[in-house]
Amino acid sequence: MSNAPLMPMATAVWLVENTTLTFKQIAEFCKLHVVEIQGIADGEVAKGIKAYNPIISGQLSRQEIELSSADEERPLEIKSSDIEISNSEKKIKKYVPLSKRQDKPDSALWLIKQHNILKDSQIAKLVGITKNSVTSIKNKSYWNYNNLNPKDPVALNLFTQKDLLDALEKAERRIKREKKQKEKDKQRSHTQT
């Protein structure tokens, strides 16, 4: 049989309140006992548990519920393909609460002090602030500079340790390239004289 839905008790509450499914169907789908489902329906079990809609979360389709509602013997099938939590590279801009917004300039200052090989643009990308802000923090001309406290952005969960290591590797490669270029330029100027 397929895996249980996320938050089975809350899902069971929603199914009891919003469908005509049998207690047995709900119990099997949520991997709970029929007696627990009966208790939910009677208001004795799951008091205070907020109903969790399995359609919104993509675990069930309305059609699936309708098919099982029409046939009491038909078990509900969880939609496993939609639940797979993808670790895609797509970055989604997420809302940052006011209390956390100060963390970005603090983290930029920490990166400037700890990893001075990073370019301003790299710090800006990692932390999620503008390049101008990073430059002004570096030049100590940032509007709130005196109130900044360097804080480790990985500890603050602004990005992962892997993101930081990738950025540092990129910076080291850039420095090596620039060094080689300088040596080439130096040799060229020597051969011309």
N, C-alpha and C. Protein backbone atom coordinates (compact mmCIF):
# COMPACT_ATOMS: atom_id res chain seq x y z
N MET A 1 0.84 -1.19 0.00
CA MET A 1 0.00 0.00 0.00
C MET A 1 0.88 1.25 0.00
N SER A 2 0.35 2.35 -0.51
CA SER A 2 1.17 3.56 -0.65
C SER A 2 1.43 4.23 0.69
N ASN A 3 2.32 5.20 0.68
CA ASN A 3 2.74 5.88 1.90
C ASN A 3 1.64 6.79 2.47
N ALA A 4 1.80 7.14 3.72
CA ALA A 4 0.80 7.98 4.41
C ALA A 4 0.94 9.44 3.97
N PRO A 5 -0.14 10.20 4.07
CA PRO A 5 -0.07 11.61 3.70
C PRO A 5 0.69 12.42 4.76
N LEU A 6 1.08 13.61 4.39
CA LEU A 6 1.69 14.52 5.37
C LEU A 6 0.62 14.85 6.41
N MET A 7 1.00 14.95 7.65
CA MET A 7 0.08 15.29 8.74
C MET A 7 -1.20 14.46 8.67
N PRO A 8 -1.10 13.14 8.89
CA PRO A 8 -2.25 12.26 8.72
C PRO A 8 -3.47 12.64 9.57
N MET A 9 -3.27 13.01 10.82
CA MET A 9 -4.41 13.34 11.69
C MET A 9 -5.14 14.58 11.16
N ALA A 10 -4.38 15.61 10.80
CA ALA A 10 -4.99 16.85 10.27
C ALA A 10 -5.67 16.58 8.93
N THR A 11 -5.09 15.71 8.12
CA THR A 11 -5.69 15.33 6.83
C THR A 11 -6.99 14.58 7.08
N ALA A 12 -6.97 13.68 8.07
CA ALA A 12 -8.18 12.92 8.42
C ALA A 12 -9.30 13.87 8.86
N VAL A 13 -8.95 14.88 9.67
CA VAL A 13 -9.93 15.87 10.12
C VAL A 13 -10.58 16.53 8.90
N TRP A 14 -9.76 16.93 7.94
CA TRP A 14 -10.28 17.60 6.73
C TRP A 14 -11.19 16.66 5.94
N LEU A 15 -10.76 15.41 5.76
CA LEU A 15 -11.55 14.45 4.99
C LEU A 15 -12.89 14.15 5.66
N VAL A 16 -12.88 14.06 7.00
CA VAL A 16 -14.12 13.81 7.73
C VAL A 16 -15.08 15.00 7.53
N GLU A 17 -14.52 16.23 7.63
CA GLU A 17 -15.36 17.43 7.55
C GLU A 17 -15.82 17.75 6.14
N ASN A 18 -15.06 17.37 5.12
CA ASN A 18 -15.32 17.87 3.76
C ASN A 18 -15.65 16.82 2.71
N THR A 19 -15.75 15.55 3.10
CA THR A 19 -16.05 14.52 2.10
C THR A 19 -17.12 13.57 2.63
N THR A 20 -17.60 12.71 1.73
CA THR A 20 -18.57 11.69 2.14
C THR A 20 -17.91 10.32 2.15
N LEU A 21 -16.59 10.30 2.28
CA LEU A 21 -15.85 9.04 2.31
C LEU A 21 -16.21 8.26 3.57
N THR A 22 -16.04 6.94 3.50
CA THR A 22 -16.31 6.12 4.69
C THR A 22 -15.14 6.28 5.67
N PHE A 23 -15.42 5.97 6.94
CA PHE A 23 -14.36 6.03 7.96
C PHE A 23 -13.23 5.08 7.60
N LYS A 24 -13.61 3.93 7.02
CA LYS A 24 -12.61 2.92 6.64
C LYS A 24 -11.67 3.49 5.56
N GLN A 25 -12.26 4.17 4.55
CA GLN A 25 -11.43 4.75 3.48
C GLN A 25 -10.48 5.81 4.03
N ILE A 26 -11.00 6.66 4.90
CA ILE A 26 -10.17 7.72 5.48
C ILE A 26 -9.08 7.10 6.35
N ALA A 27 -9.46 6.10 7.16
CA ALA A 27 -8.50 5.44 8.05
C ALA A 27 -7.36 4.81 7.24
N GLU A 28 -7.72 4.10 6.15
CA GLU A 28 -6.69 3.45 5.32
C GLU A 28 -5.78 4.48 4.66
N PHE A 29 -6.38 5.56 4.16
CA PHE A 29 -5.58 6.57 3.49
C PHE A 29 -4.62 7.26 4.46
N CYS A 30 -5.12 7.58 5.66
CA CYS A 30 -4.32 8.32 6.64
C CYS A 30 -3.48 7.42 7.54
N LYS A 31 -3.57 6.10 7.31
CA LYS A 31 -2.83 5.12 8.12
C LYS A 31 -3.20 5.28 9.61
N LEU A 32 -4.50 5.44 9.85
CA LEU A 32 -5.02 5.54 11.21
C LEU A 32 -6.03 4.42 11.43
N HIS A 33 -6.46 4.23 12.66
CA HIS A 33 -7.45 3.21 12.97
C HIS A 33 -8.85 3.78 12.73
N VAL A 34 -9.77 2.93 12.31
CA VAL A 34 -11.15 3.35 12.04
C VAL A 34 -11.76 4.00 13.29
N VAL A 35 -11.42 3.48 14.46
CA VAL A 35 -11.94 4.04 15.72
C VAL A 35 -11.49 5.50 15.89
N GLU A 36 -10.24 5.80 15.47
CA GLU A 36 -9.75 7.19 15.55
C GLU A 36 -10.57 8.10 14.63
N ILE A 37 -10.90 7.61 13.44
CA ILE A 37 -11.69 8.39 12.49
C ILE A 37 -13.09 8.62 13.05
N GLN A 38 -13.67 7.57 13.65
CA GLN A 38 -14.98 7.68 14.30
C GLN A 38 -14.91 8.76 15.40
N GLY A 39 -13.80 8.73 16.16
CA GLY A 39 -13.59 9.71 17.24
C GLY A 39 -13.49 11.13 16.71
N ILE A 40 -12.83 11.29 15.54
CA ILE A 40 -12.73 12.61 14.91
C ILE A 40 -14.13 13.09 14.54
N ALA A 41 -14.92 12.20 13.93
CA ALA A 41 -16.28 12.55 13.51
C ALA A 41 -17.15 12.92 14.71
N ASP A 42 -16.94 12.25 15.83
CA ASP A 42 -17.73 12.52 17.04
C ASP A 42 -17.20 13.71 17.82
N GLY A 43 -16.03 14.25 17.38
CA GLY A 43 -15.45 15.40 18.07
C GLY A 43 -14.71 15.03 19.34
N GLU A 44 -14.37 13.75 19.51
CA GLU A 44 -13.66 13.31 20.72
C GLU A 44 -12.16 13.22 20.49
N VAL A 45 -11.78 13.02 19.25
CA VAL A 45 -10.36 12.87 18.90
C VAL A 45 -9.95 14.08 18.05
N ALA A 46 -8.69 14.47 18.15
CA ALA A 46 -8.11 15.53 17.32
C ALA A 46 -8.71 16.90 17.60
N LYS A 47 -9.16 17.12 18.83
CA LYS A 47 -9.66 18.45 19.20
C LYS A 47 -8.52 19.44 19.07
N GLY A 48 -8.80 20.56 18.46
CA GLY A 48 -7.77 21.60 18.32
C GLY A 48 -6.81 21.37 17.16
N ILE A 49 -6.93 20.25 16.46
CA ILE A 49 -6.07 20.02 15.30
C ILE A 49 -6.71 20.69 14.09
N LYS A 50 -5.94 21.56 13.46
CA LYS A 50 -6.43 22.29 12.30
C LYS A 50 -6.49 21.35 11.10
N ALA A 51 -7.62 21.36 10.40
CA ALA A 51 -7.78 20.50 9.23
C ALA A 51 -6.75 20.86 8.16
N TYR A 52 -6.19 19.85 7.53
CA TYR A 52 -5.17 20.04 6.49
C TYR A 52 -5.70 19.51 5.17
N ASN A 53 -5.85 20.39 4.20
CA ASN A 53 -6.44 20.05 2.92
C ASN A 53 -5.44 19.31 2.02
N PRO A 54 -5.68 18.01 1.76
CA PRO A 54 -4.73 17.23 0.95
C PRO A 54 -4.80 17.56 -0.54
N ILE A 55 -5.83 18.31 -0.94
CA ILE A 55 -5.93 18.70 -2.36
C ILE A 55 -4.95 19.84 -2.63
N ILE A 56 -4.95 20.82 -1.72
CA ILE A 56 -4.04 21.98 -1.87
C ILE A 56 -2.58 21.51 -1.85
N SER A 57 -2.28 20.54 -0.99
CA SER A 57 -0.90 20.05 -0.89
C SER A 57 -0.54 19.10 -2.03
N GLY A 58 -1.52 18.77 -2.89
CA GLY A 58 -1.22 17.93 -4.05
C GLY A 58 -1.14 16.45 -3.74
N GLN A 59 -1.65 16.03 -2.57
CA GLN A 59 -1.61 14.61 -2.22
C GLN A 59 -2.83 13.86 -2.74
N LEU A 60 -3.90 14.59 -2.95
CA LEU A 60 -5.14 14.01 -3.46
C LEU A 60 -5.72 14.94 -4.50
N SER A 61 -6.47 14.37 -5.44
CA SER A 61 -7.20 15.23 -6.38
C SER A 61 -8.67 15.15 -6.02
N ARG A 62 -9.41 16.16 -6.41
CA ARG A 62 -10.85 16.17 -6.17
C ARG A 62 -11.48 14.95 -6.85
N GLN A 63 -10.97 14.64 -8.05
CA GLN A 63 -11.47 13.49 -8.82
C GLN A 63 -11.26 12.19 -8.03
N GLU A 64 -10.11 12.06 -7.40
CA GLU A 64 -9.79 10.87 -6.60
C GLU A 64 -10.80 10.72 -5.45
N ILE A 65 -11.09 11.84 -4.79
CA ILE A 65 -12.06 11.81 -3.68
C ILE A 65 -13.45 11.43 -4.21
N GLU A 66 -13.82 12.03 -5.35
CA GLU A 66 -15.14 11.74 -5.93
C GLU A 66 -15.27 10.26 -6.33
N LEU A 67 -14.22 9.69 -6.92
CA LEU A 67 -14.25 8.28 -7.32
C LEU A 67 -14.44 7.37 -6.11
N SER A 68 -13.69 7.67 -5.03
CA SER A 68 -13.80 6.84 -3.83
C SER A 68 -15.10 7.10 -3.08
N SER A 69 -15.62 8.33 -3.18
CA SER A 69 -16.91 8.63 -2.53
C SER A 69 -18.03 7.84 -3.19
N ALA A 70 -17.92 7.64 -4.49
CA ALA A 70 -18.94 6.91 -5.24
C ALA A 70 -18.86 5.40 -5.01
N ASP A 71 -17.66 4.91 -4.66
CA ASP A 71 -17.47 3.48 -4.46
C ASP A 71 -16.83 3.25 -3.10
N GLU A 72 -17.61 2.79 -2.14
CA GLU A 72 -17.13 2.62 -0.76
C GLU A 72 -16.01 1.59 -0.64
N GLU A 73 -15.88 0.73 -1.63
CA GLU A 73 -14.83 -0.31 -1.58
C GLU A 73 -13.51 0.19 -2.16
N ARG A 74 -13.56 1.34 -2.85
CA ARG A 74 -12.36 1.85 -3.54
C ARG A 74 -11.47 2.64 -2.57
N PRO A 75 -10.22 2.21 -2.37
CA PRO A 75 -9.33 2.97 -1.48
C PRO A 75 -8.82 4.24 -2.17
N LEU A 76 -8.55 5.25 -1.38
CA LEU A 76 -7.98 6.50 -1.90
C LEU A 76 -6.53 6.25 -2.27
N GLU A 77 -6.11 6.80 -3.39
CA GLU A 77 -4.71 6.67 -3.80
C GLU A 77 -4.00 8.01 -3.62
N ILE A 78 -2.92 7.99 -2.88
CA ILE A 78 -2.13 9.21 -2.68
C ILE A 78 -1.38 9.52 -3.96
N LYS A 79 -1.31 10.81 -4.30
CA LYS A 79 -0.56 11.22 -5.50
C LYS A 79 0.88 11.45 -5.09
N SER A 80 1.71 10.44 -5.24
CA SER A 80 3.08 10.55 -4.75
C SER A 80 3.96 11.38 -5.66
N SER A 81 3.64 11.41 -6.94
CA SER A 81 4.52 12.12 -7.88
C SER A 81 4.60 13.62 -7.59
N ASP A 82 3.49 14.18 -7.09
CA ASP A 82 3.48 15.63 -6.85
C ASP A 82 4.11 16.01 -5.52
N ILE A 83 4.25 15.03 -4.63
CA ILE A 83 4.74 15.36 -3.30
C ILE A 83 6.26 15.41 -3.26
N GLU A 84 6.91 14.73 -4.18
CA GLU A 84 8.37 14.70 -4.16
C GLU A 84 8.90 16.09 -3.96
N ILE A 85 9.62 16.24 -2.87
CA ILE A 85 10.16 17.56 -2.58
C ILE A 85 11.42 17.72 -3.41
N SER A 86 11.32 18.61 -4.37
CA SER A 86 12.44 18.73 -5.30
C SER A 86 13.47 19.69 -4.72
N ASN A 87 14.71 19.34 -4.94
CA ASN A 87 15.80 20.20 -4.49
C ASN A 87 16.33 20.89 -5.74
N SER A 88 15.43 21.59 -6.42
CA SER A 88 15.82 22.22 -7.68
C SER A 88 16.69 23.43 -7.39
N GLU A 89 17.45 23.82 -8.37
CA GLU A 89 18.38 24.93 -8.20
C GLU A 89 17.67 26.27 -8.25
N LYS A 90 16.37 26.25 -8.57
CA LYS A 90 15.64 27.51 -8.68
C LYS A 90 15.58 28.19 -7.33
N LYS A 91 16.03 29.40 -7.27
CA LYS A 91 15.96 30.16 -6.03
C LYS A 91 14.64 30.92 -6.02
N ILE A 92 13.92 30.79 -4.95
CA ILE A 92 12.65 31.50 -4.84
C ILE A 92 12.87 32.63 -3.84
N LYS A 93 12.56 33.84 -4.27
CA LYS A 93 12.68 34.98 -3.38
C LYS A 93 11.67 34.80 -2.27
N LYS A 94 12.16 34.72 -1.05
CA LYS A 94 11.21 34.54 0.04
C LYS A 94 11.16 35.80 0.88
N TYR A 95 10.01 36.01 1.50
CA TYR A 95 9.81 37.18 2.34
C TYR A 95 10.73 37.10 3.54
N VAL A 96 11.39 38.20 3.85
CA VAL A 96 12.27 38.25 5.00
C VAL A 96 11.61 39.15 6.05
N PRO A 97 11.32 38.61 7.24
CA PRO A 97 10.68 39.43 8.27
C PRO A 97 11.58 40.59 8.69
N LEU A 98 10.95 41.66 9.15
CA LEU A 98 11.70 42.86 9.55
C LEU A 98 12.81 42.54 10.54
N SER A 99 12.53 41.66 11.48
CA SER A 99 13.52 41.32 12.50
C SER A 99 14.78 40.70 11.90
N LYS A 100 14.63 40.12 10.71
CA LYS A 100 15.77 39.44 10.08
C LYS A 100 16.48 40.33 9.05
N ARG A 101 15.86 41.43 8.66
CA ARG A 101 16.44 42.23 7.57
C ARG A 101 17.80 42.80 7.92
N GLN A 102 18.04 43.08 9.20
CA GLN A 102 19.32 43.60 9.63
C GLN A 102 20.42 42.54 9.46
N ASP A 103 20.00 41.27 9.38
CA ASP A 103 20.98 40.20 9.25
C ASP A 103 21.77 40.29 7.95
N LYS A 104 21.14 40.83 6.89
CA LYS A 104 21.82 40.86 5.59
C LYS A 104 23.04 41.79 5.60
N PRO A 105 22.88 43.06 6.00
CA PRO A 105 24.09 43.91 6.07
C PRO A 105 25.11 43.39 7.09
N ASP A 106 24.63 42.83 8.22
CA ASP A 106 25.55 42.25 9.21
C ASP A 106 26.34 41.10 8.58
N SER A 107 25.66 40.29 7.77
CA SER A 107 26.31 39.15 7.12
C SER A 107 27.29 39.62 6.05
N ALA A 108 26.92 40.68 5.34
CA ALA A 108 27.82 41.23 4.32
C ALA A 108 29.11 41.69 4.98
N LEU A 109 28.98 42.37 6.13
CA LEU A 109 30.17 42.84 6.86
C LEU A 109 31.02 41.65 7.30
N TRP A 110 30.38 40.58 7.77
CA TRP A 110 31.10 39.38 8.20
C TRP A 110 31.88 38.79 7.02
N LEU A 111 31.23 38.70 5.85
CA LEU A 111 31.91 38.15 4.66
C LEU A 111 33.07 39.03 4.23
N ILE A 112 32.89 40.35 4.30
CA ILE A 112 33.97 41.29 3.92
C ILE A 112 35.18 41.06 4.83
N LYS A 113 34.92 40.89 6.13
CA LYS A 113 36.02 40.71 7.09
C LYS A 113 36.64 39.31 7.02
N GLN A 114 35.80 38.29 6.86
CA GLN A 114 36.29 36.91 6.91
C GLN A 114 36.84 36.40 5.57
N HIS A 115 36.24 36.87 4.48
CA HIS A 115 36.60 36.34 3.16
C HIS A 115 36.78 37.51 2.19
N ASN A 116 37.87 38.24 2.39
CA ASN A 116 38.07 39.45 1.58
C ASN A 116 38.39 39.16 0.12
N ILE A 117 38.50 37.87 -0.26
CA ILE A 117 38.75 37.57 -1.68
C ILE A 117 37.44 37.61 -2.48
N LEU A 118 36.30 37.59 -1.79
CA LEU A 118 35.02 37.62 -2.50
C LEU A 118 34.79 39.00 -3.11
N LYS A 119 34.28 39.01 -4.34
CA LYS A 119 33.94 40.28 -4.98
C LYS A 119 32.65 40.82 -4.36
N ASP A 120 32.45 42.12 -4.45
CA ASP A 120 31.23 42.73 -3.92
C ASP A 120 29.99 42.08 -4.52
N SER A 121 30.06 41.80 -5.83
CA SER A 121 28.90 41.20 -6.50
C SER A 121 28.60 39.80 -5.96
N GLN A 122 29.65 39.05 -5.58
CA GLN A 122 29.45 37.71 -5.02
C GLN A 122 28.79 37.80 -3.65
N ILE A 123 29.26 38.73 -2.83
CA ILE A 123 28.68 38.93 -1.50
C ILE A 123 27.22 39.35 -1.64
N ALA A 124 26.97 40.26 -2.56
CA ALA A 124 25.59 40.75 -2.77
C ALA A 124 24.67 39.59 -3.15
N LYS A 125 25.16 38.73 -4.04
CA LYS A 125 24.35 37.60 -4.51
C LYS A 125 24.10 36.60 -3.37
N LEU A 126 25.15 36.30 -2.61
CA LEU A 126 25.02 35.35 -1.51
C LEU A 126 24.03 35.84 -0.45
N VAL A 127 24.21 37.09 -0.02
CA VAL A 127 23.44 37.63 1.09
C VAL A 127 22.05 38.08 0.66
N GLY A 128 21.94 38.51 -0.60
CA GLY A 128 20.65 38.97 -1.10
C GLY A 128 20.43 40.45 -0.91
N ILE A 129 21.50 41.24 -1.08
CA ILE A 129 21.37 42.70 -1.04
C ILE A 129 22.04 43.26 -2.30
N THR A 130 21.95 44.55 -2.50
CA THR A 130 22.51 45.14 -3.72
C THR A 130 24.03 45.25 -3.62
N LYS A 131 24.67 45.29 -4.78
CA LYS A 131 26.12 45.43 -4.84
C LYS A 131 26.53 46.79 -4.24
N ASN A 132 25.71 47.82 -4.49
CA ASN A 132 26.00 49.15 -3.94
C ASN A 132 26.03 49.12 -2.41
N SER A 133 25.10 48.35 -1.81
CA SER A 133 25.10 48.23 -0.34
C SER A 133 26.38 47.58 0.14
N VAL A 134 26.82 46.52 -0.55
CA VAL A 134 28.06 45.84 -0.15
C VAL A 134 29.24 46.80 -0.26
N THR A 135 29.31 47.54 -1.37
CA THR A 135 30.41 48.49 -1.58
C THR A 135 30.40 49.56 -0.49
N SER A 136 29.21 50.07 -0.14
CA SER A 136 29.14 51.11 0.89
C SER A 136 29.50 50.55 2.27
N ILE A 137 29.17 49.27 2.53
CA ILE A 137 29.57 48.66 3.81
C ILE A 137 31.10 48.53 3.83
N LYS A 138 31.66 48.12 2.70
CA LYS A 138 33.13 47.97 2.60
C LYS A 138 33.83 49.32 2.81
N ASN A 139 33.23 50.37 2.24
CA ASN A 139 33.83 51.73 2.36
C ASN A 139 33.45 52.43 3.66
N LYS A 140 32.68 51.75 4.49
CA LYS A 140 32.19 52.30 5.76
C LYS A 140 31.30 53.52 5.56
N SER A 141 30.68 53.61 4.37
CA SER A 141 29.78 54.74 4.12
C SER A 141 28.32 54.30 4.14
N TYR A 142 28.08 53.06 4.54
CA TYR A 142 26.71 52.53 4.63
C TYR A 142 25.94 53.34 5.67
N TRP A 143 24.68 53.65 5.38
CA TRP A 143 23.90 54.56 6.22
C TRP A 143 23.82 54.11 7.68
N ASN A 144 23.89 52.81 7.91
CA ASN A 144 23.72 52.30 9.27
C ASN A 144 25.00 51.60 9.74
N TYR A 145 26.14 51.99 9.18
CA TYR A 145 27.38 51.25 9.40
C TYR A 145 27.72 51.08 10.88
N ASN A 146 27.53 52.13 11.68
CA ASN A 146 27.92 52.07 13.09
C ASN A 146 27.11 51.06 13.90
N ASN A 147 25.97 50.66 13.38
CA ASN A 147 25.13 49.70 14.10
C ASN A 147 25.29 48.27 13.57
N LEU A 148 26.20 48.07 12.62
CA LEU A 148 26.39 46.73 12.06
C LEU A 148 27.23 45.86 13.00
N ASN A 149 26.83 44.60 13.12
CA ASN A 149 27.60 43.61 13.87
C ASN A 149 27.86 42.44 12.93
N PRO A 150 29.13 42.13 12.65
CA PRO A 150 29.39 41.02 11.73
C PRO A 150 28.77 39.72 12.27
N LYS A 151 27.95 39.08 11.44
CA LYS A 151 27.32 37.82 11.83
C LYS A 151 27.49 36.80 10.71
N ASP A 152 27.76 35.56 11.10
CA ASP A 152 27.96 34.47 10.14
C ASP A 152 26.64 34.18 9.42
N PRO A 153 26.58 34.42 8.10
CA PRO A 153 25.33 34.22 7.36
C PRO A 153 24.89 32.76 7.27
N VAL A 154 25.84 31.84 7.35
CA VAL A 154 25.47 30.42 7.32
C VAL A 154 24.73 30.07 8.61
N ALA A 155 25.23 30.59 9.74
CA ALA A 155 24.57 30.36 11.03
C ALA A 155 23.19 31.02 11.05
N LEU A 156 23.05 32.13 10.33
CA LEU A 156 21.76 32.83 10.26
C LEU A 156 20.82 32.20 9.24
N ASN A 157 21.33 31.21 8.52
CA ASN A 157 20.51 30.49 7.53
C ASN A 157 20.18 31.33 6.29
N LEU A 158 21.03 32.29 5.95
CA LEU A 158 20.81 33.08 4.74
C LEU A 158 21.19 32.27 3.50
N PHE A 159 22.18 31.40 3.65
CA PHE A 159 22.57 30.46 2.59
C PHE A 159 23.36 29.33 3.23
N THR A 160 23.69 28.32 2.44
CA THR A 160 24.35 27.13 3.00
C THR A 160 25.87 27.27 2.97
N GLN A 161 26.51 26.40 3.73
CA GLN A 161 27.98 26.34 3.75
C GLN A 161 28.49 26.02 2.34
N LYS A 162 27.76 25.17 1.62
CA LYS A 162 28.14 24.79 0.26
C LYS A 162 28.14 26.03 -0.64
N ASP A 163 27.11 26.89 -0.50
CA ASP A 163 27.06 28.12 -1.30
C ASP A 163 28.31 28.97 -1.05
N LEU A 164 28.70 29.06 0.22
CA LEU A 164 29.88 29.85 0.58
C LEU A 164 31.14 29.24 -0.01
N LEU A 165 31.28 27.93 0.11
CA LEU A 165 32.48 27.26 -0.43
C LEU A 165 32.56 27.41 -1.95
N ASP A 166 31.41 27.29 -2.62
CA ASP A 166 31.39 27.48 -4.08
C ASP A 166 31.85 28.88 -4.45
N ALA A 167 31.36 29.88 -3.72
CA ALA A 167 31.73 31.27 -4.00
C ALA A 167 33.22 31.50 -3.75
N LEU A 168 33.75 30.90 -2.69
CA LEU A 168 35.18 31.05 -2.37
C LEU A 168 36.05 30.38 -3.44
N GLU A 169 35.63 29.20 -3.91
CA GLU A 169 36.37 28.52 -4.98
C GLU A 169 36.41 29.38 -6.23
N LYS A 170 35.26 29.96 -6.55
CA LYS A 170 35.16 30.82 -7.74
C LYS A 170 36.10 32.02 -7.59
N ALA A 171 36.12 32.60 -6.40
CA ALA A 171 36.98 33.76 -6.14
C ALA A 171 38.46 33.38 -6.26
N GLU A 172 38.81 32.19 -5.74
CA GLU A 172 40.20 31.74 -5.82
C GLU A 172 40.62 31.52 -7.27
N ARG A 173 39.72 30.94 -8.07
CA ARG A 173 40.03 30.74 -9.50
C ARG A 173 40.24 32.09 -10.19
N ARG A 174 39.39 33.07 -9.85
CA ARG A 174 39.50 34.40 -10.45
C ARG A 174 40.85 35.03 -10.09
N ILE A 175 41.26 34.90 -8.82
CA ILE A 175 42.53 35.48 -8.38
C ILE A 175 43.71 34.83 -9.10
N LYS A 176 43.65 33.51 -9.27
CA LYS A 176 44.71 32.80 -10.01
C LYS A 176 44.79 33.30 -11.44
N ARG A 177 43.60 33.46 -12.08
CA ARG A 177 43.57 33.96 -13.46
C ARG A 177 44.17 35.36 -13.54
N GLU A 178 43.79 36.22 -12.60
CA GLU A 178 44.31 37.60 -12.61
C GLU A 178 45.82 37.61 -12.40
N LYS A 179 46.31 36.72 -11.52
CA LYS A 179 47.74 36.63 -11.25
C LYS A 179 48.50 36.22 -12.51
N LYS A 180 47.97 35.19 -13.19
CA LYS A 180 48.58 34.72 -14.44
C LYS A 180 48.61 35.85 -15.46
N GLN A 181 47.50 36.56 -15.56
CA GLN A 181 47.40 37.66 -16.52
C GLN A 181 48.44 38.74 -16.21
N LYS A 182 48.63 39.06 -14.94
CA LYS A 182 49.62 40.07 -14.55
C LYS A 182 51.03 39.62 -14.94
N GLU A 183 51.30 38.32 -14.69
CA GLU A 183 52.62 37.79 -15.05
C GLU A 183 52.84 37.85 -16.55
N LYS A 184 51.81 37.52 -17.33
CA LYS A 184 51.92 37.61 -18.79
C LYS A 184 52.19 39.04 -19.22
N ASP A 185 51.43 39.98 -18.61
CA ASP A 185 51.61 41.40 -18.95
C ASP A 185 53.01 41.86 -18.60
N LYS A 186 53.53 41.38 -17.46
CA LYS A 186 54.87 41.76 -17.01
C LYS A 186 55.92 41.26 -18.00
N GLN A 187 55.74 39.99 -18.42
CA GLN A 187 56.68 39.40 -19.38
C GLN A 187 56.64 40.15 -20.71
N ARG A 188 55.44 40.52 -21.14
CA ARG A 188 55.28 41.26 -22.38
C ARG A 188 56.01 42.61 -22.32
N SER A 189 55.83 43.29 -21.20
CA SER A 189 56.48 44.61 -21.07
C SER A 189 58.01 44.48 -21.01
N HIS A 190 58.52 43.35 -20.46
CA HIS A 190 59.97 43.12 -20.41
C HIS A 190 60.52 42.81 -21.81
N THR A 191 59.76 42.04 -22.59
CA THR A 191 60.25 41.67 -23.91
C THR A 191 60.19 42.87 -24.87
N GLN A 192 59.30 43.82 -24.60
CA GLN A 192 59.20 45.00 -25.48
C GLN A 192 60.33 45.99 -25.22
N THR A 193 60.91 45.97 -24.03
CA THR A 193 61.99 46.93 -23.74
C THR A 193 63.35 46.43 -24.09
